[in-house]
C-alpha atoms as a PDB file:
ATOM      1  CA  MET A   1     104.941 120.578  26.097  1.00  0.00           C
ATOM      2  CA  LYS A   2     102.174 118.343  25.145  1.00  0.00           C
ATOM      3  CA  GLY A   3      98.716 119.979  26.054  1.00  0.00           C
ATOM      4  CA  LYS A   4     100.124 123.629  25.586  1.00  0.00           C
ATOM      5  CA  SER A   5      99.133 126.285  23.546  1.00  0.00           C
ATOM      6  CA  LEU A   6     100.489 128.925  20.872  1.00  0.00           C
ATOM      7  CA  LEU A   7      99.355 131.878  20.988  1.00  0.00           C
ATOM      8  CA  SER A   8     102.404 133.767  20.916  1.00  0.00           C
ATOM      9  CA  VAL A   9     106.096 133.738  20.833  1.00  0.00           C
ATOM     10  CA  ASP A  10     106.024 134.252  24.157  1.00  0.00           C
ATOM     11  CA  ASP A  11     104.311 130.904  24.991  1.00  0.00           C
ATOM     12  CA  PHE A  12     106.893 129.293  24.214  1.00  0.00           C
ATOM     13  CA  SER A  13     110.476 129.456  26.119  1.00  0.00           C
ATOM     14  CA  ARG A  14     114.176 129.673  24.837  1.00  0.00           C
ATOM     15  CA  GLU A  15     114.782 125.534  25.658  1.00  0.00           C
ATOM     16  CA  GLU A  16     111.148 124.583  23.802  1.00  0.00           C
ATOM     17  CA  ILE A  17     112.483 126.872  20.782  1.00  0.00           C
ATOM     18  CA  ILE A  18     115.283 124.793  20.152  1.00  0.00           C
ATOM     19  CA  GLN A  19     113.308 121.555  20.416  1.00  0.00           C
ATOM     20  CA  ILE A  20     111.647 122.586  17.837  1.00  0.00           C
ATOM     21  CA  PHE A  21     113.803 123.105  16.009  1.00  0.00           C
ATOM     22  CA  LYS A  22     115.930 119.755  16.826  1.00  0.00           C
ATOM     23  CA  MET A  23     112.658 118.235  15.976  1.00  0.00           C
ATOM     24  CA  THR A  24     111.680 119.870  12.535  1.00  0.00           C
ATOM     25  CA  GLU A  25     115.606 118.618  11.456  1.00  0.00           C
ATOM     26  CA  ARG A  26     114.500 114.957  12.255  1.00  0.00           C
ATOM     27  CA  LEU A  27     111.636 114.881  10.767  1.00  0.00           C
ATOM     28  CA  LYS A  28     112.471 116.609   7.371  1.00  0.00           C
ATOM     29  CA  MET A  29     115.373 114.431   7.168  1.00  0.00           C
ATOM     30  CA  GLU A  30     113.016 111.698   7.210  1.00  0.00           C
ATOM     31  CA  GLN A  31     110.371 113.016   5.204  1.00  0.00           C
ATOM     32  CA  LYS A  32     113.264 113.056   2.231  1.00  0.00           C
ATOM     33  CA  ALA A  33     114.067 110.118   3.036  1.00  0.00           C
ATOM     34  CA  GLY A  34     111.020 108.748   2.764  1.00  0.00           C
ATOM     35  CA  ILE A  35     110.067 108.003   5.881  1.00  0.00           C
ATOM     36  CA  ILE A  36     106.528 107.771   7.093  1.00  0.00           C
ATOM     37  CA  HIS A  37     106.443 109.220  10.884  1.00  0.00           C
ATOM     38  CA  HIS A  38     102.746 109.008  12.194  1.00  0.00           C
ATOM     39  CA  LEU A  39     103.606 110.371  15.307  1.00  0.00           C
ATOM     40  CA  LEU A  40      99.441 112.090  14.888  1.00  0.00           C
ATOM     41  CA  LEU A  41      97.526 108.757  14.306  1.00  0.00           C
ATOM     42  CA  GLY A  42      94.134 109.103  15.059  1.00  0.00           C
ATOM     43  CA  LYS A  43      94.429 112.647  15.953  1.00  0.00           C
ATOM     44  CA  SER A  44      92.676 115.329  14.662  1.00  0.00           C
ATOM     45  CA  LEU A  45      92.803 119.196  14.085  1.00  0.00           C
ATOM     46  CA  ALA A  46      90.030 122.193  13.050  1.00  0.00           C
ATOM     47  CA  MET A  47      91.425 124.736  11.180  1.00  0.00           C
ATOM     48  CA  ILE A  48      89.079 127.794  11.495  1.00  0.00           C
ATOM     49  CA  PHE A  49      90.007 130.983   8.977  1.00  0.00           C
ATOM     50  CA  GLU A  50      88.868 134.263   8.846  1.00  0.00           C
ATOM     51  CA  LYS A  51      91.330 135.701   6.474  1.00  0.00           C
ATOM     52  CA  PRO A  52      92.305 133.566   3.647  1.00  0.00           C
ATOM     53  CA  SER A  53      95.654 131.950   3.207  1.00  0.00           C
ATOM     54  CA  THR A  54      97.552 130.022   1.021  1.00  0.00           C
ATOM     55  CA  ARG A  55     100.776 128.864   2.491  1.00  0.00           C
ATOM     56  CA  THR A  56      99.148 128.801   6.160  1.00  0.00           C
ATOM     57  CA  ARG A  57      96.289 126.159   4.691  1.00  0.00           C
ATOM     58  CA  ILE A  58      98.367 124.361   2.806  1.00  0.00           C
ATOM     59  CA  SER A  59     101.221 123.695   5.041  1.00  0.00           C
ATOM     60  CA  PHE A  60      98.952 122.381   8.480  1.00  0.00           C
ATOM     61  CA  GLU A  61      96.350 120.285   6.333  1.00  0.00           C
ATOM     62  CA  MET A  62      99.938 118.749   4.460  1.00  0.00           C
ATOM     63  CA  ALA A  63     101.322 118.434   7.934  1.00  0.00           C
ATOM     64  CA  MET A  64      98.676 116.812   9.457  1.00  0.00           C
ATOM     65  CA  PHE A  65      98.006 114.076   6.503  1.00  0.00           C
ATOM     66  CA  GLN A  66     102.191 113.199   7.110  1.00  0.00           C
ATOM     67  CA  LEU A  67     101.916 113.125  10.548  1.00  0.00           C
ATOM     68  CA  GLY A  68      99.157 110.599   9.997  1.00  0.00           C
ATOM     69  CA  GLY A  69      96.247 112.796  11.162  1.00  0.00           C
ATOM     70  CA  THR A  70      93.128 114.288  10.142  1.00  0.00           C
ATOM     71  CA  SER A  71      92.265 118.166   9.504  1.00  0.00           C
ATOM     72  CA  LEU A  72      89.023 119.819   8.656  1.00  0.00           C
ATOM     73  CA  TYR A  73      88.871 123.280   7.391  1.00  0.00           C
ATOM     74  CA  LEU A  74      86.229 125.974   8.501  1.00  0.00           C
ATOM     75  CA  SER A  75      85.553 128.903   7.314  1.00  0.00           C
ATOM     76  CA  PRO A  76      83.436 131.623   8.656  1.00  0.00           C
ATOM     77  CA  LYS A  77      80.486 130.204   6.714  1.00  0.00           C
ATOM     78  CA  ASP A  78      80.788 127.011   7.753  1.00  0.00           C
ATOM     79  CA  LEU A  79      80.368 127.894  11.688  1.00  0.00           C
ATOM     80  CA  GLN A  80      77.831 128.812  14.031  1.00  0.00           C
ATOM     81  CA  LEU A  81      79.541 131.914  14.905  1.00  0.00           C
ATOM     82  CA  GLY A  82      78.652 134.188  12.075  1.00  0.00           C
ATOM     83  CA  ARG A  83      75.035 133.704  13.254  1.00  0.00           C
ATOM     84  CA  GLY A  84      75.486 134.856  16.764  1.00  0.00           C
ATOM     85  CA  GLU A  85      77.087 131.216  18.704  1.00  0.00           C
ATOM     86  CA  SER A  86      79.177 132.594  20.826  1.00  0.00           C
ATOM     87  CA  ILE A  87      83.146 131.701  20.752  1.00  0.00           C
ATOM     88  CA  LYS A  88      83.072 130.152  23.994  1.00  0.00           C
ATOM     89  CA  ASP A  89      80.116 127.570  23.179  1.00  0.00           C
ATOM     90  CA  THR A  90      81.940 126.858  19.963  1.00  0.00           C
ATOM     91  CA  ALA A  91      85.131 126.119  21.698  1.00  0.00           C
ATOM     92  CA  LYS A  92      83.895 123.869  23.888  1.00  0.00           C
ATOM     93  CA  VAL A  93      82.092 121.956  21.280  1.00  0.00           C
ATOM     94  CA  LEU A  94      85.302 121.865  19.161  1.00  0.00           C
ATOM     95  CA  GLY A  95      87.237 120.702  22.706  1.00  0.00           C
ATOM     96  CA  ARG A  96      84.897 117.390  22.726  1.00  0.00           C
ATOM     97  CA  TYR A  97      85.452 116.763  18.877  1.00  0.00           C
ATOM     98  CA  VAL A  98      89.202 117.600  18.173  1.00  0.00           C
ATOM     99  CA  ASN A  99      92.265 117.339  19.387  1.00  0.00           C
ATOM    100  CA  GLY A 100      94.151 120.562  18.451  1.00  0.00           C
ATOM    101  CA  ILE A 101      92.209 123.797  16.828  1.00  0.00           C
ATOM    102  CA  MET A 102      94.721 126.332  14.528  1.00  0.00           C
ATOM    103  CA  ALA A 103      92.920 129.898  13.634  1.00  0.00           C
ATOM    104  CA  ARG A 104      93.582 132.063  11.306  1.00  0.00           C
ATOM    105  CA  THR A 105      91.623 135.173  12.414  1.00  0.00           C
ATOM    106  CA  PHE A 106      91.598 139.178  12.922  1.00  0.00           C
ATOM    107  CA  LYS A 107      91.481 139.970  16.432  1.00  0.00           C
ATOM    108  CA  HIS A 108      94.048 137.951  19.001  1.00  0.00           C
ATOM    109  CA  LYS A 109      90.804 138.096  21.541  1.00  0.00           C
ATOM    110  CA  PHE A 110      88.790 135.564  19.534  1.00  0.00           C
ATOM    111  CA  LEU A 111      92.310 133.165  20.218  1.00  0.00           C
ATOM    112  CA  GLU A 112      92.299 133.825  23.525  1.00  0.00           C
ATOM    113  CA  GLU A 113      88.786 132.943  24.188  1.00  0.00           C
ATOM    114  CA  LEU A 114      89.504 129.871  22.179  1.00  0.00           C
ATOM    115  CA  ALA A 115      92.285 128.873  24.310  1.00  0.00           C
ATOM    116  CA  SER A 116      90.414 129.600  27.418  1.00  0.00           C
ATOM    117  CA  SER A 117      87.217 127.615  26.658  1.00  0.00           C
ATOM    118  CA  SER A 118      87.908 124.599  24.360  1.00  0.00           C
ATOM    119  CA  GLY A 119      89.945 122.678  26.691  1.00  0.00           C
ATOM    120  CA  ILE A 120      92.608 121.467  23.715  1.00  0.00           C
ATOM    121  CA  PRO A 121      95.561 123.404  22.259  1.00  0.00           C
ATOM    122  CA  VAL A 122      95.152 125.926  20.480  1.00  0.00           C
ATOM    123  CA  ILE A 123      97.476 127.243  17.511  1.00  0.00           C
ATOM    124  CA  ASN A 124      97.869 130.717  16.140  1.00  0.00           C
ATOM    125  CA  GLY A 125      97.749 130.409  12.918  1.00  0.00           C
ATOM    126  CA  LEU A 126      98.332 134.496  12.656  1.00  0.00           C
ATOM    127  CA  THR A 127      96.154 137.340  13.927  1.00  0.00           C
ATOM    128  CA  ASP A 128      96.250 141.149  13.528  1.00  0.00           C
ATOM    129  CA  TRP A 129      98.709 141.350  16.937  1.00  0.00           C
ATOM    130  CA  GLU A 130     101.194 138.148  16.198  1.00  0.00           C
ATOM    131  CA  HIS A 131     102.188 135.216  13.902  1.00  0.00           C
ATOM    132  CA  PRO A 132     104.199 132.965  15.777  1.00  0.00           C
ATOM    133  CA  CYS A 133     104.163 129.749  13.334  1.00  0.00           C
ATOM    134  CA  GLN A 134     105.686 131.856  11.016  1.00  0.00           C
ATOM    135  CA  ALA A 135     108.390 133.783  13.080  1.00  0.00           C
ATOM    136  CA  ILE A 136     109.430 130.192  14.555  1.00  0.00           C
ATOM    137  CA  SER A 137     109.561 128.455  11.222  1.00  0.00           C
ATOM    138  CA  ASP A 138     112.197 131.545  10.061  1.00  0.00           C
ATOM    139  CA  ILE A 139     114.328 131.763  12.841  1.00  0.00           C
ATOM    140  CA  PHE A 140     114.407 128.173  12.122  1.00  0.00           C
ATOM    141  CA  THR A 141     115.681 128.746   8.083  1.00  0.00           C
ATOM    142  CA  ILE A 142     118.351 130.865   9.682  1.00  0.00           C
ATOM    143  CA  TYR A 143     119.706 128.229  11.862  1.00  0.00           C
ATOM    144  CA  GLU A 144     119.441 125.600   9.158  1.00  0.00           C
ATOM    145  CA  LYS A 145     121.470 128.656   6.691  1.00  0.00           C
ATOM    146  CA  LYS A 146     123.551 130.347   9.500  1.00  0.00           C
ATOM    147  CA  GLY A 147     124.102 128.043  12.114  1.00  0.00           C
ATOM    148  CA  ASP A 148     123.316 128.790  15.537  1.00  0.00           C
ATOM    149  CA  GLU A 149     125.585 131.319  16.726  1.00  0.00           C
ATOM    150  CA  TRP A 150     122.811 133.912  17.670  1.00  0.00           C
ATOM    151  CA  ASP A 151     125.109 136.743  19.121  1.00  0.00           C
ATOM    152  CA  LYS A 152     127.356 137.061  16.037  1.00  0.00           C
ATOM    153  CA  MET A 153     124.519 137.761  13.818  1.00  0.00           C
ATOM    154  CA  LYS A 154     122.531 140.483  12.823  1.00  0.00           C
ATOM    155  CA  MET A 155     119.048 140.613  11.420  1.00  0.00           C
ATOM    156  CA  ALA A 156     117.473 143.714   9.332  1.00  0.00           C
ATOM    157  CA  TYR A 157     113.637 143.641   9.289  1.00  0.00           C
ATOM    158  CA  ILE A 158     112.854 146.664   6.921  1.00  0.00           C
ATOM    159  CA  GLY A 159     108.779 147.584   6.610  1.00  0.00           C
ATOM    160  CA  ASP A 160     105.614 147.880   8.590  1.00  0.00           C
ATOM    161  CA  GLY A 161     105.989 147.060  12.338  1.00  0.00           C
ATOM    162  CA  ASN A 162     103.068 144.748  11.891  1.00  0.00           C
ATOM    163  CA  ASN A 163     102.219 140.813  13.505  1.00  0.00           C
ATOM    164  CA  VAL A 164     104.831 139.152  11.701  1.00  0.00           C
ATOM    165  CA  CYS A 165     107.245 142.086  12.809  1.00  0.00           C
ATOM    166  CA  HIS A 166     105.695 141.271  16.754  1.00  0.00           C
ATOM    167  CA  SER A 167     106.589 137.969  16.187  1.00  0.00           C
ATOM    168  CA  LEU A 168     109.783 138.184  14.995  1.00  0.00           C
ATOM    169  CA  LEU A 169     110.691 140.578  17.423  1.00  0.00           C
ATOM    170  CA  LEU A 170     110.207 137.971  20.310  1.00  0.00           C
ATOM    171  CA  ALA A 171     111.930 135.334  18.454  1.00  0.00           C
ATOM    172  CA  ALA A 172     114.980 136.701  17.914  1.00  0.00           C
ATOM    173  CA  ALA A 173     115.050 138.045  21.495  1.00  0.00           C
ATOM    174  CA  LYS A 174     114.286 134.620  23.040  1.00  0.00           C
ATOM    175  CA  ILE A 175     116.937 133.091  20.764  1.00  0.00           C
ATOM    176  CA  GLY A 176     119.934 135.779  21.269  1.00  0.00           C
ATOM    177  CA  LEU A 177     120.096 137.109  18.078  1.00  0.00           C
ATOM    178  CA  ASN A 178     120.347 140.378  17.162  1.00  0.00           C
ATOM    179  CA  ILE A 179     118.024 142.371  15.310  1.00  0.00           C
ATOM    180  CA  TRP A 180     117.336 146.048  13.821  1.00  0.00           C
ATOM    181  CA  VAL A 181     113.600 147.258  13.193  1.00  0.00           C
ATOM    182  CA  ALA A 182     113.345 149.625  10.489  1.00  0.00           C
ATOM    183  CA  SER A 183     110.035 151.176  10.618  1.00  0.00           C
ATOM    184  CA  PRO A 184     108.288 154.874   9.195  1.00  0.00           C
ATOM    185  CA  LYS A 185     107.704 156.533  12.531  1.00  0.00           C
ATOM    186  CA  GLU A 186     104.746 156.177  12.374  1.00  0.00           C
ATOM    187  CA  TYR A 187     104.427 152.612  11.601  1.00  0.00           C
ATOM    188  CA  ARG A 188     106.916 151.194  14.186  1.00  0.00           C
ATOM    189  CA  PRO A 189     106.084 147.803  16.366  1.00  0.00           C
ATOM    190  CA  ALA A 190     103.444 148.225  19.164  1.00  0.00           C
ATOM    191  CA  GLU A 191     106.085 149.386  22.314  1.00  0.00           C
ATOM    192  CA  GLU A 192     104.547 146.680  24.535  1.00  0.00           C
ATOM    193  CA  ILE A 193     106.148 144.032  22.368  1.00  0.00           C
ATOM    194  CA  VAL A 194     109.717 146.186  22.016  1.00  0.00           C
ATOM    195  CA  LYS A 195     109.667 146.598  25.783  1.00  0.00           C
ATOM    196  CA  ARG A 196     109.470 142.582  26.058  1.00  0.00           C
ATOM    197  CA  ALA A 197     111.788 141.584  23.427  1.00  0.00           C
ATOM    198  CA  LYS A 198     114.301 143.954  24.902  1.00  0.00           C
ATOM    199  CA  ASP A 199     114.197 142.323  28.159  1.00  0.00           C
ATOM    200  CA  LEU A 200     114.390 138.626  26.619  1.00  0.00           C
ATOM    201  CA  SER A 201     117.132 140.367  24.707  1.00  0.00           C
ATOM    202  CA  LYS A 202     119.213 141.272  27.840  1.00  0.00           C
ATOM    203  CA  ILE A 203     118.694 137.652  29.358  1.00  0.00           C
ATOM    204  CA  ASN A 204     119.764 135.827  25.989  1.00  0.00           C
ATOM    205  CA  LYS A 205     122.708 138.428  25.002  1.00  0.00           C
ATOM    206  CA  GLY A 206     121.115 140.252  21.750  1.00  0.00           C
ATOM    207  CA  GLU A 207     120.266 143.738  20.682  1.00  0.00           C
ATOM    208  CA  VAL A 208     117.176 144.784  20.013  1.00  0.00           C
ATOM    209  CA  ILE A 209     117.087 148.726  17.744  1.00  0.00           C
ATOM    210  CA  ILE A 210     114.230 150.182  16.627  1.00  0.00           C
ATOM    211  CA  THR A 211     114.960 152.967  13.821  1.00  0.00           C
ATOM    212  CA  ASP A 212     113.709 154.616  11.149  1.00  0.00           C
ATOM    213  CA  SER A 213     116.802 153.909   9.037  1.00  0.00           C
ATOM    214  CA  PRO A 214     116.700 150.927   6.152  1.00  0.00           C
ATOM    215  CA  SER A 215     120.031 151.635   5.389  1.00  0.00           C
ATOM    216  CA  GLU A 216     120.798 151.858   9.146  1.00  0.00           C
ATOM    217  CA  ALA A 217     119.331 148.887   9.706  1.00  0.00           C
ATOM    218  CA  VAL A 218     121.098 146.551   6.743  1.00  0.00           C
ATOM    219  CA  LEU A 219     124.809 147.531   7.534  1.00  0.00           C
ATOM    220  CA  ASN A 220     126.947 144.273   7.648  1.00  0.00           C
ATOM    221  CA  ALA A 221     123.242 142.860   8.214  1.00  0.00           C
ATOM    222  CA  ASP A 222     123.189 138.951   8.132  1.00  0.00           C
ATOM    223  CA  ILE A 223     119.645 137.978   7.133  1.00  0.00           C
ATOM    224  CA  ILE A 224     117.490 141.023   5.873  1.00  0.00           C
ATOM    225  CA  TYR A 225     113.504 140.306   5.736  1.00  0.00           C
ATOM    226  CA  THR A 226     110.535 142.299   4.360  1.00  0.00           C
ATOM    227  CA  ASP A 227     106.845 141.689   4.395  1.00  0.00           C
ATOM    228  CA  VAL A 228     103.668 143.635   2.695  1.00  0.00           C
ATOM    229  CA  TRP A 229     103.020 147.475   3.537  1.00  0.00           C
ATOM    230  CA  VAL A 230      99.584 146.467   3.139  1.00  0.00           C
ATOM    231  CA  SER A 231      98.019 144.011   5.054  1.00  0.00           C
ATOM    232  CA  MET A 232      94.790 142.825   5.340  1.00  0.00           C
ATOM    233  CA  GLY A 233      92.412 144.491   6.307  1.00  0.00           C
ATOM    234  CA  GLN A 234      94.454 147.442   5.468  1.00  0.00           C
ATOM    235  CA  GLU A 235      93.390 148.059   1.572  1.00  0.00           C
ATOM    236  CA  GLU A 236      91.766 151.811   2.423  1.00  0.00           C
ATOM    237  CA  GLU A 237      95.424 152.574   3.727  1.00  0.00           C
ATOM    238  CA  LYS A 238      97.043 151.194   0.206  1.00  0.00           C
ATOM    239  CA  GLU A 239      97.775 154.949  -1.175  1.00  0.00           C
ATOM    240  CA  ALA A 240      98.673 156.181   1.725  1.00  0.00           C
ATOM    241  CA  LYS A 241     101.101 153.296   3.130  1.00  0.00           C
ATOM    242  CA  GLU A 242     102.674 152.926  -0.053  1.00  0.00           C
ATOM    243  CA  LYS A 243     104.032 156.958  -0.162  1.00  0.00           C
ATOM    244  CA  VAL A 244     105.634 156.784   3.577  1.00  0.00           C
ATOM    245  CA  PHE A 245     107.307 152.874   2.692  1.00  0.00           C
ATOM    246  CA  LYS A 246     108.652 154.050  -0.754  1.00  0.00           C
ATOM    247  CA  PRO A 247     112.105 154.193   0.905  1.00  0.00           C
ATOM    248  CA  PHE A 248     111.815 151.121   3.030  1.00  0.00           C
ATOM    249  CA  GLN A 249     112.161 148.943  -0.382  1.00  0.00           C
ATOM    250  CA  VAL A 250     114.534 146.075  -0.443  1.00  0.00           C
ATOM    251  CA  ASN A 251     116.737 146.666  -3.769  1.00  0.00           C
ATOM    252  CA  SER A 252     120.093 145.797  -5.023  1.00  0.00           C
ATOM    253  CA  THR A 253     121.321 149.174  -3.561  1.00  0.00           C
ATOM    254  CA  LEU A 254     119.854 148.671   0.311  1.00  0.00           C
ATOM    255  CA  LEU A 255     121.136 144.869  -0.238  1.00  0.00           C
ATOM    256  CA  SER A 256     124.726 146.005  -1.380  1.00  0.00           C
ATOM    257  CA  LYS A 257     125.016 147.591   2.079  1.00  0.00           C
ATOM    258  CA  ALA A 258     124.576 144.062   4.354  1.00  0.00           C
ATOM    259  CA  SER A 259     126.902 141.213   4.614  1.00  0.00           C
ATOM    260  CA  SER A 260     128.575 139.769   1.305  1.00  0.00           C
ATOM    261  CA  GLU A 261     126.950 136.597   2.380  1.00  0.00           C
ATOM    262  CA  ALA A 262     123.793 137.949   3.259  1.00  0.00           C
ATOM    263  CA  ILE A 263     120.115 136.270   3.220  1.00  0.00           C
ATOM    264  CA  VAL A 264     116.761 137.808   2.037  1.00  0.00           C
ATOM    265  CA  MET A 265     114.124 136.436   3.368  1.00  0.00           C
ATOM    266  CA  HIS A 266     109.975 137.546   3.083  1.00  0.00           C
ATOM    267  CA  CYS A 267     106.908 135.564   4.377  1.00  0.00           C
ATOM    268  CA  LEU A 268     105.136 136.066   1.378  1.00  0.00           C
ATOM    269  CA  PRO A 269     102.565 136.886  -0.362  1.00  0.00           C
ATOM    270  CA  ALA A 270     105.207 139.253  -2.026  1.00  0.00           C
ATOM    271  CA  HIS A 271     103.873 142.304  -3.975  1.00  0.00           C
ATOM    272  CA  ARG A 272     106.835 142.619  -6.034  1.00  0.00           C
ATOM    273  CA  GLY A 273     107.796 145.467  -7.427  1.00  0.00           C
ATOM    274  CA  LYS A 274     107.019 147.314  -3.785  1.00  0.00           C
ATOM    275  CA  GLU A 275     108.408 146.219  -0.621  1.00  0.00           C
ATOM    276  CA  ILE A 276     110.877 144.152  -2.620  1.00  0.00           C
ATOM    277  CA  THR A 277     112.251 144.155  -6.096  1.00  0.00           C
ATOM    278  CA  ASP A 278     112.605 141.116  -8.443  1.00  0.00           C
ATOM    279  CA  GLU A 279     115.871 140.892  -8.932  1.00  0.00           C
ATOM    280  CA  VAL A 280     116.733 140.938  -4.983  1.00  0.00           C
ATOM    281  CA  ILE A 281     113.663 138.113  -4.532  1.00  0.00           C
ATOM    282  CA  ASP A 282     114.919 135.748  -7.233  1.00  0.00           C
ATOM    283  CA  GLY A 283     118.155 136.613  -6.898  1.00  0.00           C
ATOM    284  CA  GLU A 284     120.904 134.226  -5.416  1.00  0.00           C
ATOM    285  CA  HIS A 285     121.035 135.836  -1.394  1.00  0.00           C
ATOM    286  CA  SER A 286     117.345 134.974  -1.407  1.00  0.00           C
ATOM    287  CA  VAL A 287     116.073 131.961   0.533  1.00  0.00           C
ATOM    288  CA  VAL A 288     112.184 132.872   0.116  1.00  0.00           C
ATOM    289  CA  PHE A 289     111.303 129.564  -1.153  1.00  0.00           C
ATOM    290  CA  ASP A 290     113.218 127.910   1.021  1.00  0.00           C
ATOM    291  CA  GLN A 291     111.621 129.573   4.374  1.00  0.00           C
ATOM    292  CA  ALA A 292     107.874 129.094   2.849  1.00  0.00           C
ATOM    293  CA  GLU A 293     108.497 124.840   2.214  1.00  0.00           C
ATOM    294  CA  ASN A 294     109.644 125.391   6.473  1.00  0.00           C
ATOM    295  CA  ARG A 295     106.572 126.267   7.410  1.00  0.00           C
ATOM    296  CA  LEU A 296     105.707 122.609   6.549  1.00  0.00           C
ATOM    297  CA  HIS A 297     108.440 120.930   8.707  1.00  0.00           C
ATOM    298  CA  THR A 298     108.526 123.270  11.278  1.00  0.00           C
ATOM    299  CA  GLN A 299     104.648 123.368  11.860  1.00  0.00           C
ATOM    300  CA  LYS A 300     104.825 119.324  11.925  1.00  0.00           C
ATOM    301  CA  ALA A 301     107.091 119.269  14.269  1.00  0.00           C
ATOM    302  CA  ILE A 302     104.652 121.683  16.548  1.00  0.00           C
ATOM    303  CA  LEU A 303     101.689 119.804  16.178  1.00  0.00           C
ATOM    304  CA  ALA A 304     103.772 117.085  16.770  1.00  0.00           C
ATOM    305  CA  MET A 305     104.885 118.279  20.512  1.00  0.00           C
ATOM    306  CA  LEU A 306     101.079 119.837  21.642  1.00  0.00           C
ATOM    307  CA  LEU A 307      99.278 116.944  20.705  1.00  0.00           C
END
């Protein structure tokens, strides 16, 4: 995997994802035991942020620190991109200064241009199309909580068919986890992502179902997952989306239809009282903050393996 980029979950094979899980387990265990693992001593990561972040920025910075490397935070104001320099030229320069790039941007094409011109690994920290680090970390959390009998588990994603949903569909299909997505018809995940996920699920003996019924999706589910209804950059749609998504709230009534041992996940930040209620996110079924912690450990594994 050394030297590869991670722009999409689909860039990694099922075997490589399992490899990441094993490395994540090891690094998490060593950190908890106080063992220093400077696997990236002398290495550097440029971090480009067009979108603000809590978990992505802090987890990547701490990941590089704990691996013995250095990270460099770059906002649009810190680069000449805002003054007309091309992505291609910026990428070529960064490729001569640092060992890898992590970018959190709006357009997925921006990331693709970075990867094609920099000559070093580029990691997707989120685009409007995908959020692969989030999804791989989330599937690791499921592995940690539920084991690896993927074909016997059902995951229900409730809400917007957005970038997180896209990456979860691909990750679940790669691993063979059965996934149901419940979204309003006008906010379903992209058809090309659904088609690719269904093709992958056939190979890995999983199931991909798209529905507009949250109750149907969560019936006997082992994992319930939700995300914000209004993503960054969609603020003008807030009122309309909240009205459409109201029946898609993850609350106690919906949770009661799932398995009695179901876990509840949310990638955060959460809009409490909107897509999820306080009693669910703070309840006994919630693994939301373990899920958030695992971003650090999984990204350490990804960084160590790519850089």
